[in-house]
């Protein structure tokens, strides 16, 4: 096959995604203090994005070096599983952040740990089921007219994935709006109790809204084009449109470590310790609650 520049860009993106998220997975896995629900969910997100990056690399390698329909089904299944798990992990992180504020008194209990494991099982169970559908026969290899913009996924399969994205985004939007309200209310109460100036409450509110805008804005701008095109597009459309909408979607996996992991102060401490050559698995940490809004 002639080398497609878009495939090269996707492969490069996959390499960057894999390197970033491998760092997060290694740090969380080899640090015994990172066993709180928050870190388990961040680790789930990093693992999903790591698999997505590896899937992009494998897809490029198999398309150009080992072309095979069976192999293409496996790589597409891996990509569907990993990207679905990535989006679902973002939802579980949002739910965890909301519950840590809404049920602050009962958050640090065994119920939270149990709930976290249940969310992880549901996330990966549903993602694996989505990914196995093409491998188990729900594909368009024998019926090209049923293909979606992403071959060999069928149109119906991609529609389900797109609708699922819109549902996840709607739930995340609602939860983050509630989180913002709770944070603003708490900031106002603290300002009143400590007789602080109204400007301090304004600064806290503005910071919360800005963080909310970054999280949801990044998620929507990355995935929304591909989700809309997945609903409206057709396999007869030029492949350029698919690449142009799929590439931004991969950037979400590239930005997730920056937004959810590298901003976390405790992970930052471990990374600085590793960079300085003084890594210790018993580094003391102060916080065990989810990071900022």
Protein backbone atom coordinates (compact mmCIF):
# COMPACT_ATOMS: atom_id res chain seq x y z
CA UNK A 1 0.00 0.00 0.00
CA UNK A 2 1.07 3.58 -0.64
CA UNK A 3 1.99 5.28 2.60
CA UNK A 4 -0.85 7.52 3.79
CA UNK A 5 0.38 10.65 5.66
CA UNK A 6 -2.70 10.52 7.89
CA UNK A 7 -1.79 7.01 9.03
CA UNK A 8 1.72 8.23 9.82
CA UNK A 9 0.32 11.08 11.94
CA UNK A 10 -1.97 8.65 13.77
CA UNK A 11 0.98 6.35 14.43
CA UNK A 12 3.03 9.25 15.81
CA UNK A 13 0.09 10.27 18.00
CA UNK A 14 -0.16 6.70 19.24
CA UNK A 15 3.52 6.70 20.17
CA UNK A 16 3.19 9.92 22.17
CA UNK A 17 0.00 8.66 23.85
CA UNK A 18 1.69 5.38 24.80
CA UNK A 19 4.74 7.08 26.31
CA UNK A 20 2.71 9.58 28.35
CA UNK A 21 0.28 7.08 29.78
CA UNK A 22 2.95 4.44 30.38
CA UNK A 23 4.59 6.90 32.79
CA UNK A 24 1.30 7.35 34.67
CA UNK A 25 0.59 3.60 34.82
CA UNK A 26 4.11 2.81 36.09
CA UNK A 27 4.00 5.55 38.74
CA UNK A 28 0.61 4.44 40.08
CA UNK A 29 1.42 0.72 39.91
CA UNK A 30 4.79 0.96 41.68
CA UNK A 31 3.71 3.44 44.38
CA UNK A 32 1.96 1.54 47.20
CA UNK A 33 0.40 4.74 48.58
CA UNK A 34 -1.52 5.20 45.32
CA UNK A 35 -4.26 2.71 46.17
CA UNK A 36 -7.02 5.22 46.94
CA UNK A 37 -10.11 5.16 44.70
CA UNK A 38 -9.04 8.37 42.98
CA UNK A 39 -5.74 6.86 41.83
CA UNK A 40 -7.39 3.60 40.79
CA UNK A 41 -9.68 5.55 38.46
CA UNK A 42 -6.81 7.63 37.09
CA UNK A 43 -4.89 4.39 36.56
CA UNK A 44 -7.86 2.94 34.69
CA UNK A 45 -7.95 6.00 32.43
CA UNK A 46 -4.21 5.83 31.80
CA UNK A 47 -4.39 2.11 31.04
CA UNK A 48 -7.20 2.66 28.54
CA UNK A 49 -5.30 5.47 26.83
CA UNK A 50 -2.11 3.40 26.82
CA UNK A 51 -3.94 0.59 25.03
CA UNK A 52 -5.40 3.13 22.59
CA UNK A 53 -1.90 4.38 21.75
CA UNK A 54 -0.62 0.84 21.27
CA UNK A 55 -3.67 0.07 19.14
CA UNK A 56 -2.87 2.97 16.80
CA UNK A 57 0.71 1.76 16.45
CA UNK A 58 -0.34 -1.85 15.82
CA UNK A 59 -2.97 -0.74 13.32
CA UNK A 60 -0.33 1.11 11.31
CA UNK A 61 2.10 -1.81 11.47
CA UNK A 62 -0.44 -4.43 10.46
CA UNK A 63 -1.97 -2.36 7.65
CA UNK A 64 1.35 -1.73 5.93
CA UNK A 65 3.42 -4.76 6.91
CA UNK A 66 0.99 -7.61 7.67
CA UNK A 67 -2.24 -6.85 5.78
CA UNK A 68 -4.95 -9.25 6.92
CA UNK A 69 -8.68 -8.99 7.50
CA UNK A 70 -8.48 -11.07 10.67
CA UNK A 71 -5.72 -8.90 12.08
CA UNK A 72 -7.62 -5.73 11.16
CA UNK A 73 -10.58 -6.99 13.17
CA UNK A 74 -8.35 -7.51 16.20
CA UNK A 75 -6.76 -4.07 15.99
CA UNK A 76 -10.11 -2.34 15.45
CA UNK A 77 -11.53 -4.32 18.38
CA UNK A 78 -8.62 -3.18 20.54
CA UNK A 79 -9.15 0.45 19.52
CA UNK A 80 -12.89 0.28 20.19
CA UNK A 81 -12.28 -1.30 23.60
CA UNK A 82 -9.58 1.15 24.64
CA UNK A 83 -11.31 4.33 23.47
CA UNK A 84 -14.61 3.20 25.00
CA UNK A 85 -12.81 2.45 28.28
CA UNK A 86 -11.12 5.86 28.11
CA UNK A 87 -14.40 7.75 27.72
CA UNK A 88 -16.08 5.58 30.38
CA UNK A 89 -13.17 6.16 32.79
CA UNK A 90 -13.64 9.91 32.39
CA UNK A 91 -17.25 9.39 33.45
CA UNK A 92 -16.25 7.34 36.51
CA UNK A 93 -13.75 10.02 37.55
CA UNK A 94 -16.50 12.62 37.27
CA UNK A 95 -18.86 10.49 39.37
CA UNK A 96 -16.14 9.99 41.98
CA UNK A 97 -15.43 13.72 42.17
CA UNK A 98 -19.11 14.50 42.54
CA UNK A 99 -19.65 11.94 45.31
CA UNK A 100 -16.51 13.13 47.16
CA UNK A 101 -18.18 16.53 47.50
CA UNK A 102 -21.83 15.51 47.80
CA UNK A 103 -21.14 12.76 50.37
CA UNK A 104 -17.99 14.20 51.91
CA UNK A 105 -18.59 12.65 55.35
CA UNK A 106 -18.98 9.09 54.04
CA UNK A 107 -16.54 9.27 51.13
CA UNK A 108 -13.61 7.78 53.09
CA UNK A 109 -15.29 4.46 53.79
CA UNK A 110 -15.24 0.91 52.54
CA UNK A 111 -18.38 1.67 50.54
CA UNK A 112 -16.37 4.04 48.34
CA UNK A 113 -13.76 1.38 47.62
CA UNK A 114 -16.46 -1.16 46.76
CA UNK A 115 -18.22 1.35 44.52
CA UNK A 116 -14.94 2.11 42.75
CA UNK A 117 -14.31 -1.55 41.96
CA UNK A 118 -17.89 -1.94 40.71
CA UNK A 119 -17.47 1.06 38.39
CA UNK A 120 -14.18 -0.33 37.09
CA UNK A 121 -15.73 -3.75 36.42
CA UNK A 122 -18.69 -2.19 34.60
CA UNK A 123 -16.42 0.14 32.62
CA UNK A 124 -14.08 -2.53 31.35
CA UNK A 125 -16.80 -5.15 30.97
CA UNK A 126 -18.88 -2.91 28.70
CA UNK A 127 -15.79 -1.73 26.80
CA UNK A 128 -14.60 -5.28 26.11
CA UNK A 129 -18.08 -6.25 24.93
CA UNK A 130 -18.11 -3.31 22.51
CA UNK A 131 -14.66 -4.28 21.25
CA UNK A 132 -15.53 -7.94 20.78
CA UNK A 133 -18.51 -7.22 18.54
CA UNK A 134 -16.46 -6.83 15.32
CA UNK A 135 -14.36 -9.89 16.16
CA UNK A 136 -17.43 -12.01 16.92
CA UNK A 137 -18.99 -11.28 13.53
CA UNK A 138 -20.66 -7.89 13.71
CA UNK A 139 -18.61 -6.36 10.91
CA UNK A 140 -19.06 -5.39 7.27
CA UNK A 141 -16.34 -7.48 5.65
CA UNK A 142 -18.94 -9.60 3.82
CA UNK A 143 -21.35 -6.73 3.23
CA UNK A 144 -19.47 -3.55 2.24
CA UNK A 145 -22.69 -1.57 1.85
CA UNK A 146 -23.24 -1.84 5.64
CA UNK A 147 -19.84 -0.31 6.45
CA UNK A 148 -19.54 2.86 8.47
CA UNK A 149 -16.93 5.59 8.03
CA UNK A 150 -14.58 3.30 9.98
CA UNK A 151 -14.16 0.00 8.20
CA UNK A 152 -14.87 -2.79 9.22
CA UNK A 153 -17.33 -1.37 11.78
CA UNK A 154 -20.94 -1.43 10.69
CA UNK A 155 -23.01 1.73 10.56
CA UNK A 156 -25.25 0.53 13.39
CA UNK A 157 -22.25 -0.26 15.59
CA UNK A 158 -20.77 3.20 15.11
CA UNK A 159 -24.15 4.82 15.73
CA UNK A 160 -24.34 3.03 19.09
CA UNK A 161 -20.84 4.25 19.98
CA UNK A 162 -21.69 7.83 18.97
CA UNK A 163 -24.96 7.86 20.91
CA UNK A 164 -23.10 6.44 23.92
CA UNK A 165 -20.65 9.33 23.70
CA UNK A 166 -23.45 11.90 23.71
CA UNK A 167 -25.00 10.18 26.73
CA UNK A 168 -21.68 10.18 28.61
CA UNK A 169 -21.07 13.82 27.74
CA UNK A 170 -24.55 14.83 28.92
CA UNK A 171 -24.06 13.06 32.28
CA UNK A 172 -20.59 14.57 32.72
CA UNK A 173 -21.91 18.04 31.94
CA UNK A 174 -24.69 17.71 34.49
CA UNK A 175 -22.36 16.35 37.18
CA UNK A 176 -19.72 19.03 36.66
CA UNK A 177 -22.36 21.76 36.83
CA UNK A 178 -23.45 20.28 40.18
CA UNK A 179 -19.82 20.08 41.30
CA UNK A 180 -19.30 23.72 40.40
CA UNK A 181 -22.38 24.73 42.40
CA UNK A 182 -21.22 22.78 45.46
CA UNK A 183 -17.71 24.27 45.28
CA UNK A 184 -19.07 27.80 44.89
CA UNK A 185 -21.45 27.29 47.83
CA UNK A 186 -18.65 25.96 50.03
CA UNK A 187 -16.35 28.82 49.04
CA UNK A 188 -19.08 31.32 49.95
CA UNK A 189 -19.69 29.68 53.33
CA UNK A 190 -15.96 29.70 54.14
CA UNK A 191 -15.67 33.33 53.09
CA UNK A 192 -18.57 34.28 55.38
CA UNK A 193 -17.28 32.29 58.35
CA UNK A 194 -13.76 33.69 58.11
CA UNK A 195 -14.94 37.20 57.26
CA UNK A 196 -13.01 37.17 54.02
CA UNK A 197 -13.46 39.66 51.24
CA UNK A 198 -15.91 38.92 48.46
CA UNK A 199 -12.99 38.93 46.04
CA UNK A 200 -11.64 35.66 47.52
CA UNK A 201 -14.98 33.97 46.86
CA UNK A 202 -14.94 35.37 43.34
CA UNK A 203 -11.43 34.01 42.72
CA UNK A 204 -12.39 30.53 43.91
CA UNK A 205 -15.54 30.55 41.80
CA UNK A 206 -13.68 31.73 38.74
CA UNK A 207 -11.03 29.04 39.21
CA UNK A 208 -13.68 26.33 39.49
CA UNK A 209 -15.51 27.50 36.38
CA UNK A 210 -12.24 27.77 34.43
CA UNK A 211 -11.25 24.22 35.40
CA UNK A 212 -14.73 23.00 34.46
CA UNK A 213 -14.42 24.71 31.07
CA UNK A 214 -11.02 23.12 30.42
CA UNK A 215 -12.18 19.59 31.29
CA UNK A 216 -15.45 19.62 29.37
CA UNK A 217 -14.12 21.83 26.57
CA UNK A 218 -11.22 19.48 25.90
CA UNK A 219 -13.43 16.41 25.98
CA UNK A 220 -16.08 17.92 23.69
CA UNK A 221 -13.68 19.49 21.18
CA UNK A 222 -11.79 16.21 20.81
CA UNK A 223 -14.67 13.76 20.51
CA UNK A 224 -17.63 15.81 19.30
CA UNK A 225 -16.53 16.07 15.62
CA UNK A 226 -16.04 12.32 15.30
CA UNK A 227 -19.27 11.50 17.18
CA UNK A 228 -21.33 13.79 14.93
CA UNK A 229 -19.66 12.51 11.78
CA UNK A 230 -20.20 8.94 12.97
CA UNK A 231 -23.94 9.62 13.01
CA UNK A 232 -24.17 11.58 9.78
CA UNK A 233 -21.31 10.21 7.69
CA UNK A 234 -21.42 7.47 5.12
CA UNK A 235 -18.84 4.99 3.85
CA UNK A 236 -19.05 6.61 0.42
CA UNK A 237 -17.67 9.89 1.78
CA UNK A 238 -13.95 10.65 1.25
CA UNK A 239 -11.63 9.04 3.81
CA UNK A 240 -10.19 12.50 4.46
CA UNK A 241 -13.26 13.40 6.52
CA UNK A 242 -12.80 10.35 8.71
CA UNK A 243 -9.14 11.09 9.36
CA UNK A 244 -9.86 14.78 10.02
CA UNK A 245 -12.39 13.90 12.75
CA UNK A 246 -10.64 10.83 14.16
CA UNK A 247 -7.29 12.54 14.72
CA UNK A 248 -8.67 15.11 17.23
CA UNK A 249 -10.34 12.23 19.09
CA UNK A 250 -6.94 10.64 19.65
CA UNK A 251 -5.69 13.92 21.11
CA UNK A 252 -8.04 13.41 24.04
CA UNK A 253 -5.94 10.42 25.11
CA UNK A 254 -2.88 12.62 24.72
CA UNK A 255 -4.29 15.37 26.94
CA UNK A 256 -5.86 13.16 29.61
CA UNK A 257 -2.56 12.52 31.47
CA UNK A 258 -1.93 16.27 31.61
CA UNK A 259 -5.41 17.10 32.91
CA UNK A 260 -6.01 14.21 35.31
CA UNK A 261 -2.57 12.90 36.34
CA UNK A 262 0.24 15.40 35.92
CA UNK A 263 -1.83 18.15 37.59
CA UNK A 264 -2.18 16.01 40.70
CA UNK A 265 0.25 17.22 43.36
CA UNK A 266 0.96 13.76 44.76
CA UNK A 267 1.82 12.33 41.34
CA UNK A 268 3.97 15.41 40.72
CA UNK A 269 5.94 14.68 43.89
CA UNK A 270 6.68 11.12 42.78
CA UNK A 271 7.68 12.25 39.29
CA UNK A 272 10.03 14.88 40.70
CA UNK A 273 11.50 12.28 43.05
CA UNK A 274 12.08 9.90 40.14
CA UNK A 275 13.65 12.66 38.04
CA UNK A 276 15.97 13.56 40.92
CA UNK A 277 16.98 9.94 41.36
CA UNK A 278 15.66 9.71 44.88
CA UNK A 279 12.57 7.59 44.34
CA UNK A 280 11.01 6.14 47.45
CA UNK A 281 7.83 4.09 47.54
CA UNK A 282 7.10 5.39 51.06
CA UNK A 283 6.94 9.08 50.19
CA UNK A 284 4.56 10.84 52.60
CA UNK A 285 1.43 12.38 51.12
CA UNK A 286 -1.07 14.71 52.72
CA UNK A 287 -4.15 14.51 50.54
CA UNK A 288 -6.32 11.51 49.75
CA UNK A 289 -9.22 13.32 48.17
CA UNK A 290 -9.93 13.80 44.48
CA UNK A 291 -8.01 16.62 42.82
CA UNK A 292 -9.49 20.01 42.01
CA UNK A 293 -12.73 20.32 40.08
